[in-house]
Amino acid sequence: MAELKQKKGEHPFGDAGQLILLVLFLVAWVVDSFFLKFSTFPAARVPLLLRLVLAGVTLVASAMLAKAGHPVIEHGGGQKGLMMTGAFRHVRHPLYLGCMLFYLGLVLSTFSLITLGLLVVIAIFYDYIAGYEERLLEQRFGEDYRGYRARTGKWFPQARSFAPVSRE
């Protein structure tokens, strides 16, 4: 059996945890949304077109964040400094946020309450591994990272992240 290799700067169980939660979520979503329909009763009150538009917008945002955060994966350990441009200028964890928006898009498409509950668990997990990685980044980059963290939202953009960057 192949051993999961930990990437530098990531939680040791981050990849495995994400994979387990993805499989668990998708199985629960498919079974509840299309077969048992145990917790999808709220969907009857929301028109299908509205659900699909909400899901579509959320899934497009998810894909955009994943694409914007992709340079970190490509450059990973070889990166010399903090990534503070693009989506990283506005949120510190665009990849994780994109993943959570993917889950939210699926929840919105069928209004499965079971998967909404799983999304809460997934959000707690992502917040935990993001916190772990932030501690590593603070150790590595010190004051530069603390300044970046002060002006950039963890999950939601702060107003100051839209201000022009000063060229001092």
C-alpha atoms as a PDB file:
ATOM      1  CA  MET A   1       0.000   0.000   0.000  1.00  0.00           C
ATOM      2  CA  ALA A   2       1.394   3.377  -1.002  1.00  0.00           C
ATOM      3  CA  GLU A   3       2.191   5.667   1.887  1.00  0.00           C
ATOM      4  CA  LEU A   4       0.800   9.208   1.807  1.00  0.00           C
ATOM      5  CA  LYS A   5       3.682  11.630   1.676  1.00  0.00           C
ATOM      6  CA  GLN A   6       3.284  14.769   3.763  1.00  0.00           C
ATOM      7  CA  LYS A   7       3.907  17.964   1.859  1.00  0.00           C
ATOM      8  CA  LYS A   8       6.052  20.595   3.503  1.00  0.00           C
ATOM      9  CA  GLY A   9       3.904  23.172   5.279  1.00  0.00           C
ATOM     10  CA  GLU A  10       0.744  21.063   5.428  1.00  0.00           C
ATOM     11  CA  HIS A  11      -0.983  19.215   8.221  1.00  0.00           C
ATOM     12  CA  PRO A  12       0.136  15.558   8.324  1.00  0.00           C
ATOM     13  CA  PHE A  13      -3.455  14.319   7.949  1.00  0.00           C
ATOM     14  CA  GLY A  14      -4.691  17.154   5.726  1.00  0.00           C
ATOM     15  CA  ASP A  15      -4.772  15.275   2.425  1.00  0.00           C
ATOM     16  CA  ALA A  16      -6.121  12.040   3.912  1.00  0.00           C
ATOM     17  CA  GLY A  17      -8.763  13.935   5.893  1.00  0.00           C
ATOM     18  CA  GLN A  18      -9.868  15.861   2.828  1.00  0.00           C
ATOM     19  CA  LEU A  19     -10.156  12.666   0.792  1.00  0.00           C
ATOM     20  CA  ILE A  20     -12.140  10.851   3.492  1.00  0.00           C
ATOM     21  CA  LEU A  21     -14.515  13.797   3.942  1.00  0.00           C
ATOM     22  CA  LEU A  22     -14.968  14.141   0.164  1.00  0.00           C
ATOM     23  CA  VAL A  23     -15.939  10.485  -0.239  1.00  0.00           C
ATOM     24  CA  LEU A  24     -18.220  10.598   2.815  1.00  0.00           C
ATOM     25  CA  PHE A  25     -19.903  13.776   1.581  1.00  0.00           C
ATOM     26  CA  LEU A  26     -20.408  12.551  -1.985  1.00  0.00           C
ATOM     27  CA  VAL A  27     -21.841   9.210  -0.861  1.00  0.00           C
ATOM     28  CA  ALA A  28     -24.206  10.943   1.573  1.00  0.00           C
ATOM     29  CA  TRP A  29     -25.192  13.547  -1.031  1.00  0.00           C
ATOM     30  CA  VAL A  30     -25.952  10.999  -3.764  1.00  0.00           C
ATOM     31  CA  VAL A  31     -27.803   8.579  -1.463  1.00  0.00           C
ATOM     32  CA  ASP A  32     -29.844  11.290   0.286  1.00  0.00           C
ATOM     33  CA  SER A  33     -30.475  13.511  -2.738  1.00  0.00           C
ATOM     34  CA  PHE A  34     -31.354  10.901  -5.317  1.00  0.00           C
ATOM     35  CA  PHE A  35     -32.393   7.691  -3.571  1.00  0.00           C
ATOM     36  CA  LEU A  36     -33.608   7.979   0.022  1.00  0.00           C
ATOM     37  CA  LYS A  37     -34.511  11.692  -0.044  1.00  0.00           C
ATOM     38  CA  PHE A  38     -34.561  11.545   3.733  1.00  0.00           C
ATOM     39  CA  SER A  39     -33.538  15.145   4.400  1.00  0.00           C
ATOM     40  CA  THR A  40     -34.208  16.930   1.102  1.00  0.00           C
ATOM     41  CA  PHE A  41     -37.730  18.074   2.006  1.00  0.00           C
ATOM     42  CA  PRO A  42     -36.733  21.800   2.077  1.00  0.00           C
ATOM     43  CA  ALA A  43     -36.089  21.551  -1.684  1.00  0.00           C
ATOM     44  CA  ALA A  44     -39.849  21.275  -2.273  1.00  0.00           C
ATOM     45  CA  ARG A  45     -40.209  24.916  -1.142  1.00  0.00           C
ATOM     46  CA  VAL A  46     -37.477  26.301  -3.402  1.00  0.00           C
ATOM     47  CA  PRO A  47     -37.944  26.237  -7.181  1.00  0.00           C
ATOM     48  CA  LEU A  48     -35.507  23.974  -9.023  1.00  0.00           C
ATOM     49  CA  LEU A  49     -34.349  26.820 -11.278  1.00  0.00           C
ATOM     50  CA  LEU A  50     -33.414  28.961  -8.254  1.00  0.00           C
ATOM     51  CA  ARG A  51     -31.571  26.047  -6.640  1.00  0.00           C
ATOM     52  CA  LEU A  52     -29.654  25.376  -9.829  1.00  0.00           C
ATOM     53  CA  VAL A  53     -28.735  29.053 -10.311  1.00  0.00           C
ATOM     54  CA  LEU A  54     -27.495  29.287  -6.703  1.00  0.00           C
ATOM     55  CA  ALA A  55     -25.585  26.042  -7.075  1.00  0.00           C
ATOM     56  CA  GLY A  56     -24.143  27.125 -10.420  1.00  0.00           C
ATOM     57  CA  VAL A  57     -22.911  30.485  -9.147  1.00  0.00           C
ATOM     58  CA  THR A  58     -21.373  28.801  -6.098  1.00  0.00           C
ATOM     59  CA  LEU A  59     -19.683  26.107  -8.195  1.00  0.00           C
ATOM     60  CA  VAL A  60     -18.280  28.704 -10.620  1.00  0.00           C
ATOM     61  CA  ALA A  61     -16.881  30.693  -7.662  1.00  0.00           C
ATOM     62  CA  SER A  62     -15.421  27.444  -6.340  1.00  0.00           C
ATOM     63  CA  ALA A  63     -13.666  26.739  -9.633  1.00  0.00           C
ATOM     64  CA  MET A  64     -12.336  30.301  -9.852  1.00  0.00           C
ATOM     65  CA  LEU A  65     -10.864  30.122  -6.348  1.00  0.00           C
ATOM     66  CA  ALA A  66      -9.330  26.712  -7.032  1.00  0.00           C
ATOM     67  CA  LYS A  67      -7.724  28.038 -10.210  1.00  0.00           C
ATOM     68  CA  ALA A  68      -6.510  31.192  -8.460  1.00  0.00           C
ATOM     69  CA  GLY A  69      -4.969  29.169  -5.628  1.00  0.00           C
ATOM     70  CA  HIS A  70      -3.323  26.674  -7.968  1.00  0.00           C
ATOM     71  CA  PRO A  71       0.095  28.445  -8.113  1.00  0.00           C
ATOM     72  CA  VAL A  72       0.705  27.390  -4.507  1.00  0.00           C
ATOM     73  CA  ILE A  73       0.362  23.749  -5.493  1.00  0.00           C
ATOM     74  CA  GLU A  74       2.516  24.189  -8.598  1.00  0.00           C
ATOM     75  CA  HIS A  75       5.291  26.015  -6.765  1.00  0.00           C
ATOM     76  CA  GLY A  76       4.717  24.483  -3.312  1.00  0.00           C
ATOM     77  CA  GLY A  77       7.983  23.948  -1.478  1.00  0.00           C
ATOM     78  CA  GLY A  78      10.003  25.943  -4.017  1.00  0.00           C
ATOM     79  CA  GLN A  79       8.197  29.160  -3.188  1.00  0.00           C
ATOM     80  CA  LYS A  80      10.603  31.783  -1.834  1.00  0.00           C
ATOM     81  CA  GLY A  81       8.112  34.164  -0.223  1.00  0.00           C
ATOM     82  CA  LEU A  82       4.521  34.657   0.756  1.00  0.00           C
ATOM     83  CA  MET A  83       1.875  34.384  -1.930  1.00  0.00           C
ATOM     84  CA  MET A  84       0.003  37.697  -1.557  1.00  0.00           C
ATOM     85  CA  THR A  85      -1.331  38.356  -5.042  1.00  0.00           C
ATOM     86  CA  GLY A  86      -4.468  37.318  -6.881  1.00  0.00           C
ATOM     87  CA  ALA A  87      -7.003  35.579  -4.662  1.00  0.00           C
ATOM     88  CA  PHE A  88      -4.407  35.430  -1.868  1.00  0.00           C
ATOM     89  CA  ARG A  89      -4.630  39.218  -1.647  1.00  0.00           C
ATOM     90  CA  HIS A  90      -8.220  38.861  -0.422  1.00  0.00           C
ATOM     91  CA  VAL A  91      -8.341  35.553   1.494  1.00  0.00           C
ATOM     92  CA  ARG A  92      -5.552  33.514   3.022  1.00  0.00           C
ATOM     93  CA  HIS A  93      -6.925  30.127   1.975  1.00  0.00           C
ATOM     94  CA  PRO A  94      -8.559  30.376  -1.470  1.00  0.00           C
ATOM     95  CA  LEU A  95      -8.072  26.674  -2.235  1.00  0.00           C
ATOM     96  CA  TYR A  96      -9.787  25.550   0.951  1.00  0.00           C
ATOM     97  CA  LEU A  97     -12.503  28.164   0.474  1.00  0.00           C
ATOM     98  CA  GLY A  98     -13.007  26.920  -3.078  1.00  0.00           C
ATOM     99  CA  CYS A  99     -13.399  23.367  -1.771  1.00  0.00           C
ATOM    100  CA  MET A 100     -15.985  24.461   0.782  1.00  0.00           C
ATOM    101  CA  LEU A 101     -17.886  26.376  -1.918  1.00  0.00           C
ATOM    102  CA  PHE A 102     -17.914  23.205  -4.017  1.00  0.00           C
ATOM    103  CA  TYR A 103     -19.620  21.358  -1.163  1.00  0.00           C
ATOM    104  CA  LEU A 104     -21.996  24.281  -0.631  1.00  0.00           C
ATOM    105  CA  GLY A 105     -22.925  24.252  -4.320  1.00  0.00           C
ATOM    106  CA  LEU A 106     -23.943  20.604  -4.072  1.00  0.00           C
ATOM    107  CA  VAL A 107     -25.911  21.280  -0.882  1.00  0.00           C
ATOM    108  CA  LEU A 108     -27.741  24.165  -2.580  1.00  0.00           C
ATOM    109  CA  SER A 109     -28.643  22.021  -5.580  1.00  0.00           C
ATOM    110  CA  THR A 110     -30.696  19.547  -3.523  1.00  0.00           C
ATOM    111  CA  PHE A 111     -31.044  21.192  -0.091  1.00  0.00           C
ATOM    112  CA  SER A 112     -29.952  17.967   1.614  1.00  0.00           C
ATOM    113  CA  LEU A 113     -29.842  18.717   5.348  1.00  0.00           C
ATOM    114  CA  ILE A 114     -27.621  15.703   6.004  1.00  0.00           C
ATOM    115  CA  THR A 115     -24.965  17.067   3.679  1.00  0.00           C
ATOM    116  CA  LEU A 116     -25.403  20.536   5.161  1.00  0.00           C
ATOM    117  CA  GLY A 117     -24.477  18.980   8.508  1.00  0.00           C
ATOM    118  CA  LEU A 118     -21.468  17.317   6.886  1.00  0.00           C
ATOM    119  CA  LEU A 119     -20.491  20.671   5.392  1.00  0.00           C
ATOM    120  CA  VAL A 120     -20.304  22.103   8.909  1.00  0.00           C
ATOM    121  CA  VAL A 121     -17.955  19.257   9.904  1.00  0.00           C
ATOM    122  CA  ILE A 122     -15.901  19.851   6.750  1.00  0.00           C
ATOM    123  CA  ALA A 123     -15.669  23.601   7.487  1.00  0.00           C
ATOM    124  CA  ILE A 124     -14.415  22.845  11.012  1.00  0.00           C
ATOM    125  CA  PHE A 125     -11.815  20.469   9.554  1.00  0.00           C
ATOM    126  CA  TYR A 126     -10.622  23.034   6.990  1.00  0.00           C
ATOM    127  CA  ASP A 127     -10.420  25.712   9.677  1.00  0.00           C
ATOM    128  CA  TYR A 128      -8.316  23.358  11.803  1.00  0.00           C
ATOM    129  CA  ILE A 129      -5.824  22.493   9.055  1.00  0.00           C
ATOM    130  CA  ALA A 130      -5.685  26.130   7.897  1.00  0.00           C
ATOM    131  CA  GLY A 131      -4.832  27.182  11.465  1.00  0.00           C
ATOM    132  CA  TYR A 132      -2.072  24.577  11.588  1.00  0.00           C
ATOM    133  CA  GLU A 133      -0.616  25.823   8.317  1.00  0.00           C
ATOM    134  CA  GLU A 134      -0.840  29.436   9.469  1.00  0.00           C
ATOM    135  CA  ARG A 135       1.263  28.630  12.536  1.00  0.00           C
ATOM    136  CA  LEU A 136       3.911  27.137  10.229  1.00  0.00           C
ATOM    137  CA  LEU A 137       3.800  30.191   7.977  1.00  0.00           C
ATOM    138  CA  GLU A 138       4.177  32.512  10.959  1.00  0.00           C
ATOM    139  CA  GLN A 139       7.223  30.549  12.114  1.00  0.00           C
ATOM    140  CA  ARG A 140       8.725  30.696   8.630  1.00  0.00           C
ATOM    141  CA  PHE A 141       7.915  34.304   7.651  1.00  0.00           C
ATOM    142  CA  GLY A 142       7.471  36.012  11.042  1.00  0.00           C
ATOM    143  CA  GLU A 143       6.400  39.659  10.912  1.00  0.00           C
ATOM    144  CA  ASP A 144       5.712  39.543   7.164  1.00  0.00           C
ATOM    145  CA  TYR A 145       3.089  36.849   7.732  1.00  0.00           C
ATOM    146  CA  ARG A 146       1.600  38.598  10.768  1.00  0.00           C
ATOM    147  CA  GLY A 147       1.151  41.758   8.662  1.00  0.00           C
ATOM    148  CA  TYR A 148      -0.413  39.753   5.825  1.00  0.00           C
ATOM    149  CA  ARG A 149      -2.747  38.020   8.274  1.00  0.00           C
ATOM    150  CA  ALA A 150      -3.777  41.376   9.793  1.00  0.00           C
ATOM    151  CA  ARG A 151      -4.891  42.799   6.440  1.00  0.00           C
ATOM    152  CA  THR A 152      -6.265  39.646   4.795  1.00  0.00           C
ATOM    153  CA  GLY A 153      -9.321  37.645   5.848  1.00  0.00           C
ATOM    154  CA  LYS A 154      -8.975  33.972   6.571  1.00  0.00           C
ATOM    155  CA  TRP A 155     -12.215  33.027   4.812  1.00  0.00           C
ATOM    156  CA  PHE A 156     -13.878  36.332   3.869  1.00  0.00           C
ATOM    157  CA  PRO A 157     -12.219  39.370   2.286  1.00  0.00           C
ATOM    158  CA  GLN A 158     -11.653  42.392   4.488  1.00  0.00           C
ATOM    159  CA  ALA A 159     -12.278  45.878   3.120  1.00  0.00           C
ATOM    160  CA  ARG A 160      -8.575  46.726   3.424  1.00  0.00           C
ATOM    161  CA  SER A 161      -7.658  43.830   1.087  1.00  0.00           C
ATOM    162  CA  PHE A 162      -9.231  45.857  -1.749  1.00  0.00           C
ATOM    163  CA  ALA A 163      -7.148  48.971  -1.010  1.00  0.00           C
ATOM    164  CA  PRO A 164      -4.308  49.760  -3.419  1.00  0.00           C
ATOM    165  CA  VAL A 165      -1.004  48.163  -2.472  1.00  0.00           C
ATOM    166  CA  SER A 166       1.527  50.729  -1.300  1.00  0.00           C
ATOM    167  CA  ARG A 167       4.903  50.634  -3.081  1.00  0.00           C
ATOM    168  CA  GLU A 168       7.186  51.575  -0.185  1.00  0.00           C
END
